[in-house]
Structures are given as C-alpha cells and as structure tokens.
Amino acid sequence: MVRVHPANIQDRDGAVPLFKAVRRLFPFLATVIGDGAYQGPQLATAMRAIADWQLVVVKRLEMAGFRVLPKRWIVERTLAWLGRCRRLAKDFENLTRTAIAFVMLASIRLMVRRLARLGS
C-alpha cells in the first residue's frame, strides 16, 4: 500500500504515518537516509517509537562549487534512470495508483535489462 499525503503537509510531518507503513512491509530495515527536511528532534523521537532505526540526515554544504553528497547520488541516479522512460518524463497520470504502476514497470524494465546483461 502506498501512502500519499496532501501537498499542504510538509515531508517531515507526513513521514510518521509513512514510516509506520514501511515498518510493516520492511521489518528488516535498520537505517533511514533523508535530506535536511527530515532533521529535528520530534521526528527522531517519533521514529524511535516506531522502530529501532537510525536516522541519517544528509545536509547540503553551503560551499561554492560542486561537491558530491554522501548517498544523495543514489537517489539522483535512480530518478535519472526512471526519467528515461517517456511515460514518466512528465506527470501524465490522473490517478496515483496508475503513476505507481508505471514506476514499478519502469523499475522492472531496468532490472530485466541488467539481468539479461549478466546472463549473456
């Protein structure tokens, strides 16, 4: 089950119900990585009440020039891979469940291509 909260709720406030659902689906998770929007003692306390997770917040550095942030490249790379699928390049879908289905299909396509390369 995918949880979508209204646009007027900040990510930090919508994280608690999301993490409760994630805990049921993925009880083996130990670390949650987020950006600066997820920092703060209230969220850390709420997460500890849900599970024994370590919350790692990756902050941007206010430096001039380019610098690779730890773990951030994983998210950006994955979004770039999904962006190659024409259907996901723009937000065409009217229903959330349809959009989720196309993200899953794009992910399956990526995995099948990787498996095919390994088999040859």
PDB file of N, CA and C in Angstrom:
ATOM      1  N   MET A   1       0.844  -1.178   0.000  1.00  0.00           N
ATOM      2  CA  MET A   1       0.000   0.000   0.000  1.00  0.00           C
ATOM      3  C   MET A   1       0.886   1.236   0.000  1.00  0.00           C
ATOM      4  N   VAL A   2       0.618   2.162  -0.873  1.00  0.00           N
ATOM      5  CA  VAL A   2       1.393   3.386  -0.977  1.00  0.00           C
ATOM      6  C   VAL A   2       0.623   4.509  -0.312  1.00  0.00           C
ATOM      7  N   ARG A   3       1.321   5.272   0.473  1.00  0.00           N
ATOM      8  CA  ARG A   3       0.703   6.394   1.182  1.00  0.00           C
ATOM      9  C   ARG A   3       1.055   7.696   0.479  1.00  0.00           C
ATOM     10  N   VAL A   4       0.054   8.493   0.213  1.00  0.00           N
ATOM     11  CA  VAL A   4       0.249   9.817  -0.369  1.00  0.00           C
ATOM     12  C   VAL A   4      -0.473  10.796   0.528  1.00  0.00           C
ATOM     13  N   HIS A   5       0.258  11.812   0.980  1.00  0.00           N
ATOM     14  CA  HIS A   5      -0.387  12.812   1.820  1.00  0.00           C
ATOM     15  C   HIS A   5      -0.600  14.089   1.023  1.00  0.00           C
ATOM     16  N   PRO A   6      -1.505  14.945   1.502  1.00  0.00           N
ATOM     17  CA  PRO A   6      -1.805  16.177   0.758  1.00  0.00           C
ATOM     18  C   PRO A   6      -0.578  17.064   0.601  1.00  0.00           C
ATOM     19  N   ALA A   7      -0.591  17.904  -0.394  1.00  0.00           N
ATOM     20  CA  ALA A   7       0.549  18.763  -0.703  1.00  0.00           C
ATOM     21  C   ALA A   7       0.789  19.830   0.359  1.00  0.00           C
ATOM     22  N   ASN A   8      -0.208  20.135   1.180  1.00  0.00           N
ATOM     23  CA  ASN A   8      -0.015  21.170   2.190  1.00  0.00           C
ATOM     24  C   ASN A   8       0.616  20.630   3.473  1.00  0.00           C
ATOM     25  N   ILE A   9       0.986  19.357   3.503  1.00  0.00           N
ATOM     26  CA  ILE A   9       1.661  18.766   4.654  1.00  0.00           C
ATOM     27  C   ILE A   9       3.138  18.639   4.322  1.00  0.00           C
ATOM     28  N   GLN A  10       3.990  19.134   5.210  1.00  0.00           N
ATOM     29  CA  GLN A  10       5.428  19.049   4.985  1.00  0.00           C
ATOM     30  C   GLN A  10       5.885  17.597   5.055  1.00  0.00           C
ATOM     31  N   ASP A  11       6.978  17.308   4.375  1.00  0.00           N
ATOM     32  CA  ASP A  11       7.512  15.951   4.357  1.00  0.00           C
ATOM     33  C   ASP A  11       7.785  15.434   5.761  1.00  0.00           C
ATOM     34  N   ARG A  12       8.323  16.277   6.608  1.00  0.00           N
ATOM     35  CA  ARG A  12       8.660  15.871   7.967  1.00  0.00           C
ATOM     36  C   ARG A  12       7.418  15.432   8.734  1.00  0.00           C
ATOM     37  N   ASP A  13       6.295  16.124   8.527  1.00  0.00           N
ATOM     38  CA  ASP A  13       5.053  15.777   9.224  1.00  0.00           C
ATOM     39  C   ASP A  13       4.384  14.547   8.618  1.00  0.00           C
ATOM     40  N   GLY A  14       4.532  14.358   7.326  1.00  0.00           N
ATOM     41  CA  GLY A  14       3.940  13.200   6.673  1.00  0.00           C
ATOM     42  C   GLY A  14       4.788  11.946   6.788  1.00  0.00           C
ATOM     43  N   ALA A  15       5.992  12.078   7.341  1.00  0.00           N
ATOM     44  CA  ALA A  15       6.901  10.937   7.421  1.00  0.00           C
ATOM     45  C   ALA A  15       6.445   9.892   8.431  1.00  0.00           C
ATOM     46  N   VAL A  16       5.845  10.309   9.531  1.00  0.00           N
ATOM     47  CA  VAL A  16       5.493   9.360  10.597  1.00  0.00           C
ATOM     48  C   VAL A  16       4.491   8.307  10.112  1.00  0.00           C
ATOM     49  N   PRO A  17       3.360   8.675   9.495  1.00  0.00           N
ATOM     50  CA  PRO A  17       2.467   7.626   9.002  1.00  0.00           C
ATOM     51  C   PRO A  17       3.111   6.766   7.911  1.00  0.00           C
ATOM     52  N   LEU A  18       3.962   7.377   7.100  1.00  0.00           N
ATOM     53  CA  LEU A  18       4.654   6.627   6.065  1.00  0.00           C
ATOM     54  C   LEU A  18       5.587   5.596   6.677  1.00  0.00           C
ATOM     55  N   PHE A  19       6.349   5.984   7.690  1.00  0.00           N
ATOM     56  CA  PHE A  19       7.290   5.057   8.316  1.00  0.00           C
ATOM     57  C   PHE A  19       6.577   3.932   9.061  1.00  0.00           C
ATOM     58  N   LYS A  20       5.381   4.200   9.562  1.00  0.00           N
ATOM     59  CA  LYS A  20       4.605   3.122  10.189  1.00  0.00           C
ATOM     60  C   LYS A  20       4.244   2.055   9.165  1.00  0.00           C
ATOM     61  N   ALA A  21       3.858   2.477   7.970  1.00  0.00           N
ATOM     62  CA  ALA A  21       3.537   1.517   6.907  1.00  0.00           C
ATOM     63  C   ALA A  21       4.788   0.799   6.423  1.00  0.00           C
ATOM     64  N   VAL A  22       5.897   1.525   6.333  1.00  0.00           N
ATOM     65  CA  VAL A  22       7.154   0.933   5.890  1.00  0.00           C
ATOM     66  C   VAL A  22       7.621  -0.120   6.892  1.00  0.00           C
ATOM     67  N   ARG A  23       7.426   0.130   8.159  1.00  0.00           N
ATOM     68  CA  ARG A  23       7.848  -0.819   9.203  1.00  0.00           C
ATOM     69  C   ARG A  23       7.152  -2.170   9.029  1.00  0.00           C
ATOM     70  N   ARG A  24       5.869  -2.132   8.684  1.00  0.00           N
ATOM     71  CA  ARG A  24       5.140  -3.385   8.480  1.00  0.00           C
ATOM     72  C   ARG A  24       5.627  -4.118   7.240  1.00  0.00           C
ATOM     73  N   LEU A  25       5.956  -3.392   6.180  1.00  0.00           N
ATOM     74  CA  LEU A  25       6.383  -4.017   4.928  1.00  0.00           C
ATOM     75  C   LEU A  25       7.841  -4.465   4.941  1.00  0.00           C
ATOM     76  N   PHE A  26       8.699  -3.694   5.618  1.00  0.00           N
ATOM     77  CA  PHE A  26      10.134  -3.967   5.615  1.00  0.00           C
ATOM     78  C   PHE A  26      10.673  -3.971   7.047  1.00  0.00           C
ATOM     79  N   PRO A  27      10.386  -4.992   7.829  1.00  0.00           N
ATOM     80  CA  PRO A  27      10.816  -5.002   9.231  1.00  0.00           C
ATOM     81  C   PRO A  27      12.326  -5.134   9.408  1.00  0.00           C
ATOM     82  N   PHE A  28      13.053  -5.471   8.355  1.00  0.00           N
ATOM     83  CA  PHE A  28      14.493  -5.682   8.452  1.00  0.00           C
ATOM     84  C   PHE A  28      15.306  -4.398   8.281  1.00  0.00           C
ATOM     85  N   LEU A  29      14.670  -3.281   7.933  1.00  0.00           N
ATOM     86  CA  LEU A  29      15.400  -2.030   7.736  1.00  0.00           C
ATOM     87  C   LEU A  29      16.041  -1.567   9.034  1.00  0.00           C
ATOM     88  N   ALA A  30      17.248  -1.011   8.918  1.00  0.00           N
ATOM     89  CA  ALA A  30      17.950  -0.520  10.102  1.00  0.00           C
ATOM     90  C   ALA A  30      18.282   0.966  10.016  1.00  0.00           C
ATOM     91  N   THR A  31      18.450   1.479   8.798  1.00  0.00           N
ATOM     92  CA  THR A  31      18.862   2.864   8.617  1.00  0.00           C
ATOM     93  C   THR A  31      17.937   3.562   7.630  1.00  0.00           C
ATOM     94  N   VAL A  32      17.566   4.792   7.956  1.00  0.00           N
ATOM     95  CA  VAL A  32      16.756   5.627   7.075  1.00  0.00           C
ATOM     96  C   VAL A  32      17.600   6.854   6.739  1.00  0.00           C
ATOM     97  N   ILE A  33      17.748   7.131   5.443  1.00  0.00           N
ATOM     98  CA  ILE A  33      18.551   8.265   4.991  1.00  0.00           C
ATOM     99  C   ILE A  33      17.613   9.310   4.408  1.00  0.00           C
ATOM    100  N   GLY A  34      17.751  10.550   4.857  1.00  0.00           N
ATOM    101  CA  GLY A  34      16.903  11.628   4.370  1.00  0.00           C
ATOM    102  C   GLY A  34      17.697  12.899   4.179  1.00  0.00           C
ATOM    103  N   ASP A  35      17.058  13.889   3.571  1.00  0.00           N
ATOM    104  CA  ASP A  35      17.734  15.171   3.398  1.00  0.00           C
ATOM    105  C   ASP A  35      17.426  16.082   4.582  1.00  0.00           C
ATOM    106  N   GLY A  36      17.792  17.337   4.469  1.00  0.00           N
ATOM    107  CA  GLY A  36      17.650  18.282   5.567  1.00  0.00           C
ATOM    108  C   GLY A  36      16.229  18.503   6.039  1.00  0.00           C
ATOM    109  N   ALA A  37      15.234  18.179   5.214  1.00  0.00           N
ATOM    110  CA  ALA A  37      13.836  18.359   5.612  1.00  0.00           C
ATOM    111  C   ALA A  37      13.435  17.421   6.741  1.00  0.00           C
ATOM    112  N   TYR A  38      14.200  16.353   6.951  1.00  0.00           N
ATOM    113  CA  TYR A  38      13.843  15.350   7.949  1.00  0.00           C
ATOM    114  C   TYR A  38      14.625  15.497   9.249  1.00  0.00           C
ATOM    115  N   GLN A  39      15.295  16.604   9.446  1.00  0.00           N
ATOM    116  CA  GLN A  39      16.024  16.797  10.687  1.00  0.00           C
ATOM    117  C   GLN A  39      15.103  17.365  11.749  1.00  0.00           C
ATOM    118  N   GLY A  40      15.459  17.169  12.969  1.00  0.00           N
ATOM    119  CA  GLY A  40      14.685  17.698  14.079  1.00  0.00           C
ATOM    120  C   GLY A  40      14.429  16.635  15.129  1.00  0.00           C
ATOM    121  N   PRO A  41      14.354  17.042  16.378  1.00  0.00           N
ATOM    122  CA  PRO A  41      14.198  16.070  17.465  1.00  0.00           C
ATOM    123  C   PRO A  41      12.830  15.401  17.493  1.00  0.00           C
ATOM    124  N   GLN A  42      11.779  16.088  17.036  1.00  0.00           N
ATOM    125  CA  GLN A  42      10.440  15.484  17.079  1.00  0.00           C
ATOM    126  C   GLN A  42      10.336  14.283  16.150  1.00  0.00           C
ATOM    127  N   LEU A  43      10.862  14.392  14.950  1.00  0.00           N
ATOM    128  CA  LEU A  43      10.821  13.275  14.010  1.00  0.00           C
ATOM    129  C   LEU A  43      11.698  12.136  14.497  1.00  0.00           C
ATOM    130  N   ALA A  44      12.868  12.455  15.038  1.00  0.00           N
ATOM    131  CA  ALA A  44      13.755  11.404  15.545  1.00  0.00           C
ATOM    132  C   ALA A  44      13.091  10.644  16.691  1.00  0.00           C
ATOM    133  N   THR A  45      12.402  11.348  17.564  1.00  0.00           N
ATOM    134  CA  THR A  45      11.688  10.697  18.671  1.00  0.00           C
ATOM    135  C   THR A  45      10.545   9.837  18.153  1.00  0.00           C
ATOM    136  N   ALA A  46       9.790  10.349  17.195  1.00  0.00           N
ATOM    137  CA  ALA A  46       8.674   9.586  16.628  1.00  0.00           C
ATOM    138  C   ALA A  46       9.177   8.332  15.916  1.00  0.00           C
ATOM    139  N   MET A  47      10.306   8.438  15.240  1.00  0.00           N
ATOM    140  CA  MET A  47      10.856   7.271  14.548  1.00  0.00           C
ATOM    141  C   MET A  47      11.331   6.220  15.536  1.00  0.00           C
ATOM    142  N   ARG A  48      11.935   6.653  16.644  1.00  0.00           N
ATOM    143  CA  ARG A  48      12.362   5.694  17.654  1.00  0.00           C
ATOM    144  C   ARG A  48      11.176   4.969  18.267  1.00  0.00           C
ATOM    145  N   ALA A  49      10.026   5.634  18.344  1.00  0.00           N
ATOM    146  CA  ALA A  49       8.819   4.993  18.876  1.00  0.00           C
ATOM    147  C   ALA A  49       8.277   3.950  17.897  1.00  0.00           C
ATOM    148  N   ILE A  50       8.512   4.145  16.603  1.00  0.00           N
ATOM    149  CA  ILE A  50       8.026   3.201  15.591  1.00  0.00           C
ATOM    150  C   ILE A  50       8.940   1.982  15.512  1.00  0.00           C
ATOM    151  N   ALA A  51      10.250   2.214  15.439  1.00  0.00           N
ATOM    152  CA  ALA A  51      11.208   1.118  15.291  1.00  0.00           C
ATOM    153  C   ALA A  51      12.577   1.594  15.759  1.00  0.00           C
ATOM    154  N   ASP A  52      13.489   0.671  15.889  1.00  0.00           N
ATOM    155  CA  ASP A  52      14.853   0.985  16.300  1.00  0.00           C
ATOM    156  C   ASP A  52      15.680   1.314  15.060  1.00  0.00           C
ATOM    157  N   TRP A  53      15.348   2.427  14.426  1.00  0.00           N
ATOM    158  CA  TRP A  53      16.017   2.859  13.211  1.00  0.00           C
ATOM    159  C   TRP A  53      16.998   3.967  13.509  1.00  0.00           C
ATOM    160  N   GLN A  54      18.038   4.003  12.713  1.00  0.00           N
ATOM    161  CA  GLN A  54      18.972   5.115  12.773  1.00  0.00           C
ATOM    162  C   GLN A  54      18.606   6.079  11.650  1.00  0.00           C
ATOM    163  N   LEU A  55      18.341   7.329  11.992  1.00  0.00           N
ATOM    164  CA  LEU A  55      18.011   8.358  11.009  1.00  0.00           C
ATOM    165  C   LEU A  55      19.277   9.118  10.661  1.00  0.00           C
ATOM    166  N   VAL A  56      19.693   9.043   9.407  1.00  0.00           N
ATOM    167  CA  VAL A  56      20.875   9.744   8.925  1.00  0.00           C
ATOM    168  C   VAL A  56      20.398  10.873   8.017  1.00  0.00           C
ATOM    169  N   VAL A  57      20.724  12.108   8.394  1.00  0.00           N
ATOM    170  CA  VAL A  57      20.331  13.278   7.614  1.00  0.00           C
ATOM    171  C   VAL A  57      21.552  13.764   6.847  1.00  0.00           C
ATOM    172  N   VAL A  58      21.428  13.805   5.519  1.00  0.00           N
ATOM    173  CA  VAL A  58      22.495  14.295   4.656  1.00  0.00           C
ATOM    174  C   VAL A  58      22.185  15.752   4.349  1.00  0.00           C
ATOM    175  N   LYS A  59      23.058  16.624   4.820  1.00  0.00           N
ATOM    176  CA  LYS A  59      22.836  18.061   4.643  1.00  0.00           C
ATOM    177  C   LYS A  59      23.681  18.591   3.496  1.00  0.00           C
ATOM    178  N   ARG A  60      23.156  19.591   2.824  1.00  0.00           N
ATOM    179  CA  ARG A  60      23.930  20.283   1.790  1.00  0.00           C
ATOM    180  C   ARG A  60      24.940  21.189   2.470  1.00  0.00           C
ATOM    181  N   LEU A  61      26.072  21.273   1.860  1.00  0.00           N
ATOM    182  CA  LEU A  61      27.101  22.163   2.373  1.00  0.00           C
ATOM    183  C   LEU A  61      26.999  23.489   1.634  1.00  0.00           C
ATOM    184  N   GLU A  62      27.075  24.553   2.348  1.00  0.00           N
ATOM    185  CA  GLU A  62      26.979  25.888   1.745  1.00  0.00           C
ATOM    186  C   GLU A  62      28.358  26.312   1.244  1.00  0.00           C
ATOM    187  N   MET A  63      28.845  25.575   0.270  1.00  0.00           N
ATOM    188  CA  MET A  63      30.150  25.878  -0.303  1.00  0.00           C
ATOM    189  C   MET A  63      29.979  26.229  -1.768  1.00  0.00           C
ATOM    190  N   ALA A  64      30.895  27.024  -2.259  1.00  0.00           N
ATOM    191  CA  ALA A  64      30.877  27.344  -3.686  1.00  0.00           C
ATOM    192  C   ALA A  64      31.407  26.149  -4.460  1.00  0.00           C
ATOM    193  N   GLY A  65      30.827  25.899  -5.615  1.00  0.00           N
ATOM    194  CA  GLY A  65      31.288  24.799  -6.440  1.00  0.00           C
ATOM    195  C   GLY A  65      30.510  23.517  -6.202  1.00  0.00           C
ATOM    196  N   PHE A  66      30.892  22.486  -6.923  1.00  0.00           N
ATOM    197  CA  PHE A  66      30.202  21.207  -6.874  1.00  0.00           C
ATOM    198  C   PHE A  66      30.881  20.277  -5.887  1.00  0.00           C
ATOM    199  N   ARG A  67      30.082  19.563  -5.130  1.00  0.00           N
ATOM    200  CA  ARG A  67      30.606  18.545  -4.233  1.00  0.00           C
ATOM    201  C   ARG A  67      29.583  17.420  -4.135  1.00  0.00           C
ATOM    202  N   VAL A  68      30.047  16.182  -4.261  1.00  0.00           N
ATOM    203  CA  VAL A  68      29.167  15.027  -4.192  1.00  0.00           C
ATOM    204  C   VAL A  68      28.755  14.816  -2.735  1.00  0.00           C
ATOM    205  N   LEU A  69      27.440  14.732  -2.500  1.00  0.00           N
ATOM    206  CA  LEU A  69      26.937  14.474  -1.161  1.00  0.00           C
ATOM    207  C   LEU A  69      26.827  12.977  -0.937  1.00  0.00           C
ATOM    208  N   PRO A  70      27.168  12.500   0.252  1.00  0.00           N
ATOM    209  CA  PRO A  70      27.071  11.065   0.510  1.00  0.00           C
ATOM    210  C   PRO A  70      25.632  10.576   0.351  1.00  0.00           C
ATOM    211  N   LYS A  71      25.459   9.471  -0.350  1.00  0.00           N
ATOM    212  CA  LYS A  71      24.188   8.778  -0.565  1.00  0.00           C
ATOM    213  C   LYS A  71      23.210   9.536  -1.453  1.00  0.00           C
ATOM    214  N   ARG A  72      23.370  10.819  -1.646  1.00  0.00           N
ATOM    215  CA  ARG A  72      22.438  11.598  -2.460  1.00  0.00           C
ATOM    216  C   ARG A  72      22.493  11.162  -3.922  1.00  0.00           C
ATOM    217  N   TRP A  73      23.684  10.776  -4.375  1.00  0.00           N
ATOM    218  CA  TRP A  73      23.852  10.368  -5.771  1.00  0.00           C
ATOM    219  C   TRP A  73      23.025   9.136  -6.093  1.00  0.00           C
ATOM    220  N   ILE A  74      22.773   8.282  -5.115  1.00  0.00           N
ATOM    221  CA  ILE A  74      21.973   7.079  -5.352  1.00  0.00           C
ATOM    222  C   ILE A  74      20.556   7.465  -5.757  1.00  0.00           C
ATOM    223  N   VAL A  75      19.987   8.415  -5.033  1.00  0.00           N
ATOM    224  CA  VAL A  75      18.628   8.877  -5.332  1.00  0.00           C
ATOM    225  C   VAL A  75      18.591   9.569  -6.681  1.00  0.00           C
ATOM    226  N   GLU A  76      19.538  10.455  -6.929  1.00  0.00           N
ATOM    227  CA  GLU A  76      19.566  11.211  -8.180  1.00  0.00           C
ATOM    228  C   GLU A  76      19.760  10.279  -9.376  1.00  0.00           C
ATOM    229  N   ARG A  77      20.620   9.276  -9.227  1.00  0.00           N
ATOM    230  CA  ARG A  77      20.856   8.319 -10.309  1.00  0.00           C
ATOM    231  C   ARG A  77      19.594   7.526 -10.622  1.00  0.00           C
ATOM    232  N   THR A  78      18.907   7.084  -9.578  1.00  0.00           N
ATOM    233  CA  THR A  78      17.691   6.304  -9.779  1.00  0.00           C
ATOM    234  C   THR A  78      16.613   7.142 -10.456  1.00  0.00           C
ATOM    235  N   LEU A  79      16.464   8.387 -10.044  1.00  0.00           N
ATOM    236  CA  LEU A  79      15.482   9.271 -10.686  1.00  0.00           C
ATOM    237  C   LEU A  79      15.855   9.516 -12.148  1.00  0.00           C
ATOM    238  N   ALA A  80      17.146   9.607 -12.446  1.00  0.00           N
ATOM    239  CA  ALA A  80      17.576   9.784 -13.837  1.00  0.00           C
ATOM    240  C   ALA A  80      17.244   8.549 -14.670  1.00  0.00           C
ATOM    241  N   TRP A  81      17.445   7.364 -14.100  1.00  0.00           N
ATOM    242  CA  TRP A  81      17.102   6.132 -14.823  1.00  0.00           C
ATOM    243  C   TRP A  81      15.609   6.081 -15.118  1.00  0.00           C
ATOM    244  N   LEU A  82      14.799   6.423 -14.125  1.00  0.00           N
ATOM    245  CA  LEU A  82      13.350   6.394 -14.334  1.00  0.00           C
ATOM    246  C   LEU A  82      12.907   7.476 -15.318  1.00  0.00           C
ATOM    247  N   GLY A  83      13.636   8.598 -15.341  1.00  0.00           N
ATOM    248  CA  GLY A  83      13.309   9.675 -16.252  1.00  0.00           C
ATOM    249  C   GLY A  83      13.524   9.327 -17.713  1.00  0.00           C
ATOM    250  N   ARG A  84      14.283   8.267 -17.982  1.00  0.00           N
ATOM    251  CA  ARG A  84      14.493   7.830 -19.368  1.00  0.00           C
ATOM    252  C   ARG A  84      13.236   7.222 -19.972  1.00  0.00           C
ATOM    253  N   CYS A  85      12.322   6.801 -19.140  1.00  0.00           N
ATOM    254  CA  CYS A  85      11.065   6.235 -19.630  1.00  0.00           C
ATOM    255  C   CYS A  85      10.150   7.390 -20.010  1.00  0.00           C
ATOM    256  N   ARG A  86       9.725   7.421 -21.245  1.00  0.00           N
ATOM    257  CA  ARG A  86       8.940   8.556 -21.750  1.00  0.00           C
ATOM    258  C   ARG A  86       7.674   8.778 -20.945  1.00  0.00           C
ATOM    259  N   ARG A  87       7.057   7.709 -20.500  1.00  0.00           N
ATOM    260  CA  ARG A  87       5.797   7.822 -19.764  1.00  0.00           C
ATOM    261  C   ARG A  87       6.004   8.529 -18.433  1.00  0.00           C
ATOM    262  N   LEU A  88       7.207   8.415 -17.866  1.00  0.00           N
ATOM    263  CA  LEU A  88       7.488   9.030 -16.573  1.00  0.00           C
ATOM    264  C   LEU A  88       8.152  10.399 -16.693  1.00  0.00           C
ATOM    265  N   ALA A  89       8.453  10.828 -17.920  1.00  0.00           N
ATOM    266  CA  ALA A  89       9.139  12.103 -18.105  1.00  0.00           C
ATOM    267  C   ALA A  89       8.263  13.277 -17.678  1.00  0.00           C
ATOM    268  N   LYS A  90       6.974  13.150 -17.848  1.00  0.00           N
ATOM    269  CA  LYS A  90       6.014  14.175 -17.424  1.00  0.00           C
ATOM    270  C   LYS A  90       4.956  13.516 -16.567  1.00  0.00           C
ATOM    271  N   ASP A  91       4.241  14.320 -15.820  1.00  0.00           N
ATOM    272  CA  ASP A  91       3.204  13.788 -14.939  1.00  0.00           C
ATOM    273  C   ASP A  91       1.885  13.709 -15.702  1.00  0.00           C
ATOM    274  N   PHE A  92       1.732  12.636 -16.491  1.00  0.00           N
ATOM    275  CA  PHE A  92       0.536  12.465 -17.306  1.00  0.00           C
ATOM    276  C   PHE A  92      -0.603  11.782 -16.561  1.00  0.00           C
ATOM    277  N   GLU A  93      -0.286  11.050 -15.518  1.00  0.00           N
ATOM    278  CA  GLU A  93      -1.268  10.182 -14.881  1.00  0.00           C
ATOM    279  C   GLU A  93      -2.242  10.969 -14.020  1.00  0.00           C
ATOM    280  N   ASN A  94      -3.496  10.575 -14.093  1.00  0.00           N
ATOM    281  CA  ASN A  94      -4.552  11.206 -13.319  1.00  0.00           C
ATOM    282  C   ASN A  94      -4.666  10.569 -11.929  1.00  0.00           C
ATOM    283  N   LEU A  95      -4.438   9.275 -11.864  1.00  0.00           N
ATOM    284  CA  LEU A  95      -4.577   8.543 -10.608  1.00  0.00           C
ATOM    285  C   LEU A  95      -3.210   8.169 -10.050  1.00  0.00           C
ATOM    286  N   THR A  96      -3.081   8.227  -8.739  1.00  0.00           N
ATOM    287  CA  THR A  96      -1.825   7.877  -8.091  1.00  0.00           C
ATOM    288  C   THR A  96      -1.467   6.423  -8.347  1.00  0.00           C
ATOM    289  N   ARG A  97      -2.448   5.540  -8.293  1.00  0.00           N
ATOM    290  CA  ARG A  97      -2.153   4.118  -8.482  1.00  0.00           C
ATOM    291  C   ARG A  97      -1.648   3.830  -9.899  1.00  0.00           C
ATOM    292  N   THR A  98      -2.095   4.593 -10.867  1.00  0.00           N
ATOM    293  CA  THR A  98      -1.592   4.419 -12.229  1.00  0.00           C
ATOM    294  C   THR A  98      -0.141   4.875 -12.319  1.00  0.00           C
ATOM    295  N   ALA A  99       0.178   6.009 -11.714  1.00  0.00           N
ATOM    296  CA  ALA A  99       1.553   6.501 -11.715  1.00  0.00           C
ATOM    297  C   ALA A  99       2.476   5.511 -11.018  1.00  0.00           C
ATOM    298  N   ILE A 100       2.031   4.945  -9.903  1.00  0.00           N
ATOM    299  CA  ILE A 100       2.839   3.961  -9.176  1.00  0.00           C
ATOM    300  C   ILE A 100       3.060   2.717 -10.034  1.00  0.00           C
ATOM    301  N   ALA A 101       2.035   2.303 -10.754  1.00  0.00           N
ATOM    302  CA  ALA A 101       2.159   1.129 -11.618  1.00  0.00           C
ATOM    303  C   ALA A 101       3.223   1.365 -12.694  1.00  0.00           C
ATOM    304  N   PHE A 102       3.256   2.565 -13.279  1.00  0.00           N
ATOM    305  CA  PHE A 102       4.246   2.839 -14.316  1.00  0.00           C
ATOM    306  C   PHE A 102       5.655   2.970 -13.737  1.00  0.00           C
ATOM    307  N   VAL A 103       5.791   3.457 -12.519  1.00  0.00           N
ATOM    308  CA  VAL A 103       7.109   3.475 -11.871  1.00  0.00           C
ATOM    309  C   VAL A 103       7.575   2.045 -11.627  1.00  0.00           C
ATOM    310  N   MET A 104       6.673   1.180 -11.189  1.00  0.00           N
ATOM    311  CA  MET A 104       7.033  -0.228 -10.981  1.00  0.00           C
ATOM    312  C   MET A 104       7.421  -0.897 -12.292  1.00  0.00           C
ATOM    313  N   LEU A 105       6.673  -0.627 -13.352  1.00  0.00           N
ATOM    314  CA  LEU A 105       7.012  -1.194 -14.656  1.00  0.00           C
ATOM    315  C   LEU A 105       8.384  -0.716 -15.138  1.00  0.00           C
ATOM    316  N   ALA A 106       8.674   0.553 -14.933  1.00  0.00           N
ATOM    317  CA  ALA A 106       9.978   1.076 -15.332  1.00  0.00           C
ATOM    318  C   ALA A 106      11.092   0.424 -14.509  1.00  0.00           C
ATOM    319  N   SER A 107      10.852   0.196 -13.237  1.00  0.00           N
ATOM    320  CA  SER A 107      11.848  -0.459 -12.386  1.00  0.00           C
ATOM    321  C   SER A 107      12.056  -1.903 -12.808  1.00  0.00           C
ATOM    322  N   ILE A 108      10.983  -2.583 -13.142  1.00  0.00           N
ATOM    323  CA  ILE A 108      11.090  -3.967 -13.622  1.00  0.00           C
ATOM    324  C   ILE A 108      11.887  -4.009 -14.921  1.00  0.00           C
ATOM    325  N   ARG A 109      11.624  -3.058 -15.800  1.00  0.00           N
ATOM    326  CA  ARG A 109      12.350  -2.982 -17.076  1.00  0.00           C
ATOM    327  C   ARG A 109      13.847  -2.811 -16.838  1.00  0.00           C
ATOM    328  N   LEU A 110      14.212  -1.931 -15.900  1.00  0.00           N
ATOM    329  CA  LEU A 110      15.622  -1.738 -15.573  1.00  0.00           C
ATOM    330  C   LEU A 110      16.250  -3.031 -15.053  1.00  0.00           C
ATOM    331  N   MET A 111      15.554  -3.712 -14.161  1.00  0.00           N
ATOM    332  CA  MET A 111      16.092  -4.926 -13.573  1.00  0.00           C
ATOM    333  C   MET A 111      16.226  -6.035 -14.606  1.00  0.00           C
ATOM    334  N   VAL A 112      15.246  -6.187 -15.483  1.00  0.00           N
ATOM    335  CA  VAL A 112      15.315  -7.225 -16.517  1.00  0.00           C
ATOM    336  C   VAL A 112      16.487  -6.971 -17.449  1.00  0.00           C
ATOM    337  N   ARG A 113      16.721  -5.732 -17.813  1.00  0.00           N
ATOM    338  CA  ARG A 113      17.850  -5.415 -18.686  1.00  0.00           C
ATOM    339  C   ARG A 113      19.180  -5.746 -18.016  1.00  0.00           C
ATOM    340  N   ARG A 114      19.275  -5.471 -16.723  1.00  0.00           N
ATOM    341  CA  ARG A 114      20.511  -5.791 -16.008  1.00  0.00           C
ATOM    342  C   ARG A 114      20.711  -7.293 -15.905  1.00  0.00           C
ATOM    343  N   LEU A 115      19.635  -8.007 -15.634  1.00  0.00           N
ATOM    344  CA  LEU A 115      19.729  -9.472 -15.550  1.00  0.00           C
ATOM    345  C   LEU A 115      20.091 -10.078 -16.908  1.00  0.00           C
ATOM    346  N   ALA A 116      19.555  -9.516 -17.977  1.00  0.00           N
ATOM    347  CA  ALA A 116      19.865 -10.018 -19.324  1.00  0.00           C
ATOM    348  C   ALA A 116      21.337  -9.810 -19.649  1.00  0.00           C
ATOM    349  N   ARG A 117      21.901  -8.686 -19.222  1.00  0.00           N
ATOM    350  CA  ARG A 117      23.334  -8.433 -19.448  1.00  0.00           C
ATOM    351  C   ARG A 117      24.195  -9.428 -18.680  1.00  0.00           C
ATOM    352  N   LEU A 118      23.787  -9.769 -17.472  1.00  0.00           N
ATOM    353  CA  LEU A 118      24.562 -10.716 -16.661  1.00  0.00           C
ATOM    354  C   LEU A 118      24.506 -12.111 -17.251  1.00  0.00           C
ATOM    355  N   GLY A 119      23.375 -12.478 -17.879  1.00  0.00           N
ATOM    356  CA  GLY A 119      23.202 -13.816 -18.427  1.00  0.00           C
ATOM    357  C   GLY A 119      23.933 -14.056 -19.736  1.00  0.00           C
ATOM    358  N   SER A 120      24.322 -12.998 -20.426  1.00  0.00           N
ATOM    359  CA  SER A 120      24.956 -13.197 -21.724  1.00  0.00           C
ATOM    360  C   SER A 120      26.455 -13.224 -21.650  1.00  0.00           C
TER     361      SER A 120
END
